[in-house]
Amino acid sequence: MSTTASPVLDLSATSIEITRQLCDIESVSGNEKTLADAIEASLAGSDHLEVFRDGDAIVARTTLGREQRVVVAGHIDTVPLNDNLPTWFESADGVDYLWGRGTVDMKAGVAVQLKLAVELADPAVDVTWIWYDHEEVGEDQNGLGRLAANHPELLDGDFAILGEPTNSVVEGGCNGTLRIEVRTFGTRAHSARSWVGHNAIHDAAPILAILASYRPREVEVDGLVYREGLNAVGISGGVAGNVIPDECIVQINYRFAPSRSSDEAIAHLSELFSGFDITVVDRADGARPGLDAPLAQEFLAAVGGVAMPKYGWTDVARFSALGVPAVNYGPGDPLRAHADDERVDVTQITECERGLRLWLSGATGQ
């Protein structure tokens, strides 16, 4: 009986080429096993690393007895393909890009991490490298969340870096996110005799008016200004083309600054939509920037530039919840994440590698 050999990663290649290798191993959420196998196998010869596996999450760490530990993490799954694999190199507007699913979100960051994990046998701090599954799907499946529940000690550290795409600049913390459903209720009737019923969709007009007139805050948190957002992201109601609807549901997403907890965000929306029926569908606290930690200051000095806020929610919030200050830092334009024309500027991959290597080797860049 023949068996199919697992793909082999050549981690002696450039981080650009490793990115291509990783992307060409399709790993849409739920199908990460082949890539996880390849990552685990590629680390087998690195005697300076202890390697653990939990499902399709791979953890590798040094145990050099350093005074401080840094956690560097990235997810290995992608959103579904759309005829954008295998990857290819092509220039556009004078910039050299690697095109294809996962190039931005976030296998370029994973490639940098893997290369440094095997090459930095004597870093200035102990390092825990984490490559995890199921980030692009529901909260209940998230591999980093599973690790936090099953092996919280593996996420322990003095500082954490998540390799989400940030154009290779530091983005501190992240906004929180809250999704609610606001319902209105009416009475069904035949539309030819509408006065017998009561139209629930019409009653949603005040909800939409509140949203249209709402002015989102810009909130400074530890030196970074986070922009909030409150938007209707869906509306549904009605059962037939000749029936007055007895229910309407407006789905609303609130992106709130990390100065607020999700409980405070819920209280804010409950006040804003007072008198309406509200159901909380999803909630996740944000994360403060984490840039006041000494390690964070050294990291920022090493990679250069000025830190920016992260408007979207990321898994840095998981580290923040564990008391570990965390930032986002990885190659790729986040506006290209999940896009059909997903592509990464290859110079950002090498720049991200340079910055992380410099810092983990003990330099500050000053």
Protein backbone atom coordinates (compact mmCIF):
# COMPACT_ATOMS: atom_id res chain seq x y z
CA MET A 1 0.00 0.00 0.00
CA SER A 2 1.45 3.38 -0.99
CA THR A 3 1.43 6.38 1.27
CA THR A 4 1.73 10.05 0.41
CA ALA A 5 4.80 11.65 1.96
CA SER A 6 4.30 14.82 3.93
CA PRO A 7 5.70 17.98 2.32
CA VAL A 8 9.16 18.99 3.51
CA LEU A 9 10.04 22.57 4.41
CA ASP A 10 13.51 23.87 3.60
CA LEU A 11 14.10 26.35 6.42
CA SER A 12 17.61 27.11 5.15
CA ALA A 13 15.97 29.01 2.27
CA THR A 14 15.18 32.72 2.39
CA SER A 15 12.14 33.81 4.35
CA ILE A 16 10.58 34.82 1.03
CA GLU A 17 11.00 31.31 -0.36
CA ILE A 18 9.78 29.77 2.92
CA THR A 19 6.67 31.92 2.60
CA ARG A 20 6.06 30.39 -0.80
CA GLN A 21 6.61 26.86 0.52
CA LEU A 22 4.10 27.45 3.33
CA CYS A 23 1.45 29.00 1.10
CA ASP A 24 1.67 26.20 -1.46
CA ILE A 25 0.66 23.74 1.26
CA GLU A 26 -3.06 24.49 1.30
CA SER A 27 -4.30 24.89 4.87
CA VAL A 28 -7.78 26.36 4.83
CA SER A 29 -9.22 26.28 8.36
CA GLY A 30 -9.94 22.67 9.26
CA ASN A 31 -7.30 21.36 6.88
CA GLU A 32 -4.14 22.38 8.75
CA LYS A 33 -2.80 18.89 9.54
CA THR A 34 -0.51 18.54 6.52
CA LEU A 35 1.12 21.91 7.19
CA ALA A 36 1.35 21.25 10.93
CA ASP A 37 3.07 17.92 10.15
CA ALA A 38 5.55 19.72 7.87
CA ILE A 39 6.33 22.37 10.50
CA GLU A 40 6.80 19.78 13.22
CA ALA A 41 9.11 17.73 11.00
CA SER A 42 11.14 20.78 9.98
CA LEU A 43 11.93 21.55 13.65
CA ALA A 44 13.05 18.01 14.49
CA GLY A 45 16.78 18.70 14.02
CA SER A 46 16.88 21.84 16.16
CA ASP A 47 18.40 20.61 19.39
CA HIS A 48 18.01 24.01 21.09
CA LEU A 49 14.20 23.75 20.88
CA GLU A 50 11.71 21.75 22.91
CA VAL A 51 8.79 20.94 20.63
CA PHE A 52 5.21 20.28 21.73
CA ARG A 53 2.06 19.58 19.76
CA ASP A 54 -1.57 20.11 20.68
CA GLY A 55 -3.87 19.11 17.85
CA ASP A 56 -2.55 21.06 14.88
CA ALA A 57 -0.81 23.69 17.01
CA ILE A 58 2.98 23.45 17.24
CA VAL A 59 4.95 25.02 20.08
CA ALA A 60 8.76 25.24 20.14
CA ARG A 61 10.71 26.94 22.91
CA THR A 62 14.20 27.55 24.17
CA THR A 63 15.10 26.79 27.78
CA LEU A 64 18.34 28.71 28.22
CA GLY A 65 17.60 30.06 31.69
CA ARG A 66 17.29 33.64 30.51
CA GLU A 67 15.73 36.18 32.89
CA GLN A 68 12.95 37.00 30.44
CA ARG A 69 10.78 35.08 27.99
CA VAL A 70 9.14 36.31 24.81
CA VAL A 71 6.29 34.54 23.02
CA VAL A 72 6.10 34.88 19.22
CA ALA A 73 2.96 33.45 17.62
CA GLY A 74 1.24 33.09 14.27
CA HIS A 75 -1.66 31.13 12.84
CA ILE A 76 -1.18 28.65 10.01
CA ASP A 77 -4.70 28.49 8.58
CA THR A 78 -6.20 30.62 5.82
CA VAL A 79 -9.61 31.56 4.52
CA PRO A 80 -10.87 29.55 1.51
CA LEU A 81 -9.08 29.70 -1.84
CA ASN A 82 -10.31 31.40 -4.99
CA ASP A 83 -8.00 30.15 -7.73
CA ASN A 84 -5.06 31.85 -5.98
CA LEU A 85 -2.77 28.89 -5.35
CA PRO A 86 -0.08 27.91 -6.13
CA THR A 87 1.68 31.20 -5.46
CA TRP A 88 3.52 33.24 -8.08
CA PHE A 89 5.91 36.20 -8.23
CA GLU A 90 4.81 39.25 -10.16
CA SER A 91 5.62 42.97 -10.00
CA ALA A 92 3.02 45.72 -9.88
CA ASP A 93 3.65 49.49 -9.84
CA GLY A 94 7.36 48.84 -9.45
CA VAL A 95 6.96 46.60 -6.39
CA ASP A 96 7.89 42.90 -6.31
CA TYR A 97 5.10 40.80 -4.84
CA LEU A 98 4.46 37.19 -3.93
CA TRP A 99 0.82 36.55 -4.83
CA GLY A 100 -1.58 33.94 -3.47
CA ARG A 101 -3.74 32.87 -0.58
CA GLY A 102 -2.01 33.21 2.78
CA THR A 103 0.84 35.44 1.58
CA VAL A 104 -0.46 38.27 3.74
CA ASP A 105 -2.61 36.52 6.33
CA MET A 106 -0.31 35.30 7.61
CA LYS A 107 2.18 32.82 6.24
CA ALA A 108 4.82 35.47 5.52
CA GLY A 109 4.91 36.15 9.26
CA VAL A 110 5.01 32.42 9.99
CA ALA A 111 7.90 32.00 7.54
CA VAL A 112 9.95 34.66 9.33
CA GLN A 113 9.21 33.01 12.67
CA LEU A 114 10.19 29.54 11.50
CA LYS A 115 13.45 30.73 9.98
CA LEU A 116 14.44 32.58 13.14
CA ALA A 117 13.32 29.73 15.40
CA VAL A 118 15.82 27.30 13.84
CA GLU A 119 18.63 29.82 13.31
CA LEU A 120 18.64 31.67 16.66
CA ALA A 121 20.05 29.02 18.95
CA ASP A 122 21.35 31.57 21.47
CA PRO A 123 18.87 34.46 21.67
CA ALA A 124 19.15 37.19 24.29
CA VAL A 125 15.84 36.08 25.82
CA ASP A 126 14.16 32.71 26.01
CA VAL A 127 11.64 32.42 23.19
CA THR A 128 8.44 30.44 22.85
CA TRP A 129 7.36 30.07 19.22
CA ILE A 130 3.71 29.14 18.58
CA TRP A 131 2.10 28.20 15.26
CA TYR A 132 -1.58 27.50 15.75
CA ASP A 133 -4.68 26.39 13.89
CA HIS A 134 -8.27 27.56 13.37
CA GLU A 135 -7.79 31.31 13.71
CA GLU A 136 -9.99 32.20 10.74
CA VAL A 137 -13.11 30.50 12.12
CA GLY A 138 -15.22 30.57 15.27
CA GLU A 139 -13.89 31.51 18.68
CA ASP A 140 -14.67 28.05 20.04
CA GLN A 141 -12.21 26.43 17.58
CA ASN A 142 -9.27 28.83 17.91
CA GLY A 143 -6.03 26.90 18.45
CA LEU A 144 -4.43 29.58 20.60
CA GLY A 145 -7.52 29.65 22.79
CA ARG A 146 -7.29 25.87 23.10
CA LEU A 147 -3.64 26.12 24.11
CA ALA A 148 -4.50 28.80 26.68
CA ALA A 149 -7.10 26.46 28.18
CA ASN A 150 -5.10 23.22 28.00
CA HIS A 151 -1.54 24.47 28.55
CA PRO A 152 -1.58 28.08 29.82
CA GLU A 153 2.05 27.74 30.88
CA LEU A 154 3.04 27.63 27.20
CA LEU A 155 1.69 31.16 26.71
CA ASP A 156 3.48 32.53 29.74
CA GLY A 157 5.99 35.28 29.05
CA ASP A 158 7.08 38.84 29.72
CA PHE A 159 6.08 40.07 26.27
CA ALA A 160 4.36 38.63 23.19
CA ILE A 161 4.40 39.35 19.47
CA LEU A 162 1.66 38.22 17.10
CA GLY A 163 2.74 38.10 13.46
CA GLU A 164 -0.48 39.51 11.98
CA PRO A 165 0.07 41.67 8.88
CA THR A 166 0.95 45.26 9.82
CA ASN A 167 3.11 46.38 6.87
CA SER A 168 6.07 45.42 9.10
CA VAL A 169 5.38 48.21 11.59
CA VAL A 170 4.39 47.72 15.22
CA GLU A 171 0.67 47.92 15.99
CA GLY A 172 -0.09 47.92 19.69
CA GLY A 173 -3.02 46.15 21.29
CA CYS A 174 -6.36 45.94 19.49
CA ASN A 175 -9.93 47.14 19.60
CA GLY A 176 -12.55 45.00 21.21
CA THR A 177 -15.53 43.73 19.25
CA LEU A 178 -19.17 43.24 20.17
CA ARG A 179 -22.04 41.96 18.02
CA ILE A 180 -25.65 42.39 19.05
CA GLU A 181 -29.06 41.78 17.52
CA VAL A 182 -31.71 44.43 18.06
CA ARG A 183 -35.26 43.19 17.48
CA THR A 184 -38.57 44.87 16.82
CA PHE A 185 -41.89 43.07 17.00
CA GLY A 186 -45.19 43.51 15.21
CA THR A 187 -48.32 41.63 14.21
CA ARG A 188 -48.70 39.60 11.02
CA ALA A 189 -51.47 40.41 8.61
CA HIS A 190 -52.23 40.15 4.91
CA SER A 191 -50.52 43.04 3.13
CA ALA A 192 -53.79 43.87 1.40
CA ARG A 193 -55.22 44.63 4.85
CA SER A 194 -52.08 46.01 6.47
CA TRP A 195 -54.02 48.12 8.97
CA VAL A 196 -55.00 44.90 10.74
CA GLY A 197 -51.33 44.18 11.55
CA HIS A 198 -48.28 46.06 12.73
CA ASN A 199 -45.08 46.27 10.64
CA ALA A 200 -41.96 45.32 12.60
CA ILE A 201 -39.62 46.43 9.81
CA HIS A 202 -41.03 49.95 9.92
CA ASP A 203 -40.29 50.01 13.65
CA ALA A 204 -36.61 49.44 12.87
CA ALA A 205 -36.32 52.95 11.43
CA PRO A 206 -35.34 54.54 14.78
CA ILE A 207 -32.56 51.94 15.16
CA LEU A 208 -31.12 52.87 11.78
CA ALA A 209 -31.48 56.56 12.60
CA ILE A 210 -29.44 56.09 15.78
CA LEU A 211 -26.73 54.31 13.81
CA ALA A 212 -26.68 56.91 11.04
CA SER A 213 -26.29 59.79 13.49
CA TYR A 214 -23.79 58.06 15.78
CA ARG A 215 -20.36 59.67 15.92
CA PRO A 216 -17.68 57.10 16.83
CA ARG A 217 -15.10 58.09 19.41
CA GLU A 218 -11.38 58.42 18.91
CA VAL A 219 -9.82 57.32 22.19
CA GLU A 220 -6.23 57.68 23.30
CA VAL A 221 -5.00 54.65 25.21
CA ASP A 222 -1.41 54.63 26.47
CA GLY A 223 -0.32 57.04 23.75
CA LEU A 224 -2.13 55.40 20.80
CA VAL A 225 -5.40 56.71 19.36
CA TYR A 226 -7.98 54.01 18.63
CA ARG A 227 -10.89 54.74 16.31
CA GLU A 228 -14.16 53.09 17.21
CA GLY A 229 -16.97 52.04 14.88
CA LEU A 230 -20.68 51.24 15.24
CA ASN A 231 -22.41 49.81 12.19
CA ALA A 232 -25.35 47.76 11.04
CA VAL A 233 -23.92 44.67 9.36
CA GLY A 234 -27.16 42.90 8.56
CA ILE A 235 -30.93 43.25 8.64
CA SER A 236 -33.63 40.63 8.23
CA GLY A 237 -37.38 40.39 8.54
CA GLY A 238 -40.49 39.21 6.75
CA VAL A 239 -41.84 35.81 5.81
CA ALA A 240 -43.54 36.38 2.45
CA GLY A 241 -44.18 39.06 -0.14
CA ASN A 242 -47.81 39.47 0.94
CA VAL A 243 -47.43 39.31 4.72
CA ILE A 244 -46.87 42.19 7.12
CA PRO A 245 -43.73 41.15 9.08
CA ASP A 246 -44.04 40.50 12.78
CA GLU A 247 -40.28 40.61 13.52
CA CYS A 248 -37.22 42.50 12.29
CA ILE A 249 -33.62 41.90 13.37
CA VAL A 250 -30.85 44.46 12.92
CA GLN A 251 -27.37 43.01 13.41
CA ILE A 252 -24.91 45.54 14.79
CA ASN A 253 -21.13 45.38 15.22
CA TYR A 254 -19.41 47.68 17.70
CA ARG A 255 -15.63 48.04 17.57
CA PHE A 256 -14.58 49.68 20.82
CA ALA A 257 -11.32 51.05 22.17
CA PRO A 258 -9.40 48.86 24.65
CA SER A 259 -10.10 51.42 27.37
CA ARG A 260 -13.54 49.79 27.58
CA SER A 261 -14.32 46.25 28.66
CA SER A 262 -16.91 44.23 26.77
CA ASP A 263 -19.25 44.64 29.76
CA GLU A 264 -18.90 48.42 29.46
CA ALA A 265 -19.47 48.17 25.71
CA ILE A 266 -22.68 46.22 26.30
CA ALA A 267 -23.83 48.82 28.83
CA HIS A 268 -23.15 51.57 26.28
CA LEU A 269 -25.23 49.90 23.57
CA SER A 270 -27.99 49.03 26.04
CA GLU A 271 -28.27 52.72 26.85
CA LEU A 272 -28.03 53.75 23.20
CA PHE A 273 -30.82 51.36 22.16
CA SER A 274 -32.86 51.70 25.34
CA GLY A 275 -36.38 50.33 24.95
CA PHE A 276 -35.43 47.81 22.27
CA ASP A 277 -34.96 44.06 22.65
CA ILE A 278 -31.18 43.36 22.58
CA THR A 279 -29.35 40.03 22.33
CA VAL A 280 -25.56 39.77 22.63
CA VAL A 281 -24.30 37.42 19.93
CA ASP A 282 -20.52 37.72 20.25
CA ARG A 283 -18.08 39.65 22.43
CA ALA A 284 -14.33 39.90 22.81
CA ASP A 285 -12.34 42.32 24.93
CA GLY A 286 -9.64 44.34 23.28
CA ALA A 287 -6.05 44.68 24.44
CA ARG A 288 -4.18 47.73 25.65
CA PRO A 289 -1.08 48.61 23.60
CA GLY A 290 1.42 46.88 25.90
CA LEU A 291 4.12 49.33 24.85
CA ASP A 292 4.97 50.49 28.36
CA ALA A 293 6.71 47.18 29.12
CA PRO A 294 10.53 47.52 29.01
CA LEU A 295 10.82 44.66 26.50
CA ALA A 296 8.29 46.38 24.28
CA GLN A 297 10.34 49.59 24.32
CA GLU A 298 13.48 47.65 23.37
CA PHE A 299 11.57 45.89 20.60
CA LEU A 300 10.23 49.14 19.19
CA ALA A 301 13.71 50.64 19.19
CA ALA A 302 15.11 47.60 17.36
CA VAL A 303 12.54 47.48 14.58
CA GLY A 304 12.33 51.27 14.22
CA GLY A 305 9.40 53.47 13.38
CA VAL A 306 6.46 54.71 15.42
CA ALA A 307 3.89 52.34 16.91
CA MET A 308 0.35 52.48 15.52
CA PRO A 309 -2.96 51.24 16.97
CA LYS A 310 -4.58 48.01 15.76
CA TYR A 311 -8.18 48.73 14.83
CA GLY A 312 -9.25 45.14 14.27
CA TRP A 313 -9.44 42.44 16.94
CA THR A 314 -6.53 39.99 17.05
CA ASP A 315 -5.27 37.26 19.33
CA VAL A 316 -3.07 39.74 21.18
CA ALA A 317 -6.17 40.05 23.36
CA ARG A 318 -5.63 36.49 24.57
CA PHE A 319 -2.17 37.38 25.81
CA SER A 320 -3.45 40.58 27.38
CA ALA A 321 -6.10 38.60 29.26
CA LEU A 322 -3.28 36.46 30.69
CA GLY A 323 -1.37 39.55 31.81
CA VAL A 324 1.19 39.37 28.99
CA PRO A 325 1.67 42.67 27.11
CA ALA A 326 1.47 42.02 23.38
CA VAL A 327 1.78 43.75 20.00
CA ASN A 328 1.12 42.92 16.36
CA TYR A 329 4.09 42.88 13.97
CA GLY A 330 4.25 41.16 10.62
CA PRO A 331 4.76 41.62 6.86
CA GLY A 332 1.87 42.36 4.54
CA ASP A 333 -0.78 45.00 4.02
CA PRO A 334 -3.81 44.08 6.16
CA LEU A 335 -6.06 45.56 3.47
CA ARG A 336 -4.95 42.67 1.23
CA ALA A 337 -5.82 39.98 3.79
CA HIS A 338 -8.53 37.59 2.52
CA ALA A 339 -8.65 39.41 -0.83
CA ASP A 340 -8.69 37.50 -4.11
CA ASP A 341 -5.60 39.51 -5.14
CA GLU A 342 -3.84 38.79 -1.83
CA ARG A 343 -0.15 39.59 -2.23
CA VAL A 344 2.79 40.59 -0.06
CA ASP A 345 5.58 43.04 -0.82
CA VAL A 346 8.61 40.76 -0.51
CA THR A 347 10.77 43.55 0.94
CA GLN A 348 8.45 43.62 3.95
CA ILE A 349 9.23 39.96 4.62
CA THR A 350 12.96 40.59 4.77
CA GLU A 351 12.44 43.78 6.79
CA CYS A 352 10.35 41.93 9.37
CA GLU A 353 13.01 39.22 9.59
CA ARG A 354 15.73 41.85 10.01
CA GLY A 355 13.88 43.61 12.83
CA LEU A 356 13.04 40.47 14.79
CA ARG A 357 16.50 39.00 14.32
CA LEU A 358 18.16 42.21 15.49
CA TRP A 359 16.04 42.43 18.61
CA LEU A 360 16.12 38.77 19.60
CA SER A 361 19.89 38.78 19.17
CA GLY A 362 20.12 41.45 21.86
CA ALA A 363 20.50 44.66 19.84
CA THR A 364 18.20 47.66 20.29
CA GLY A 365 18.72 49.46 17.03
CA GLN A 366 19.75 52.63 18.84
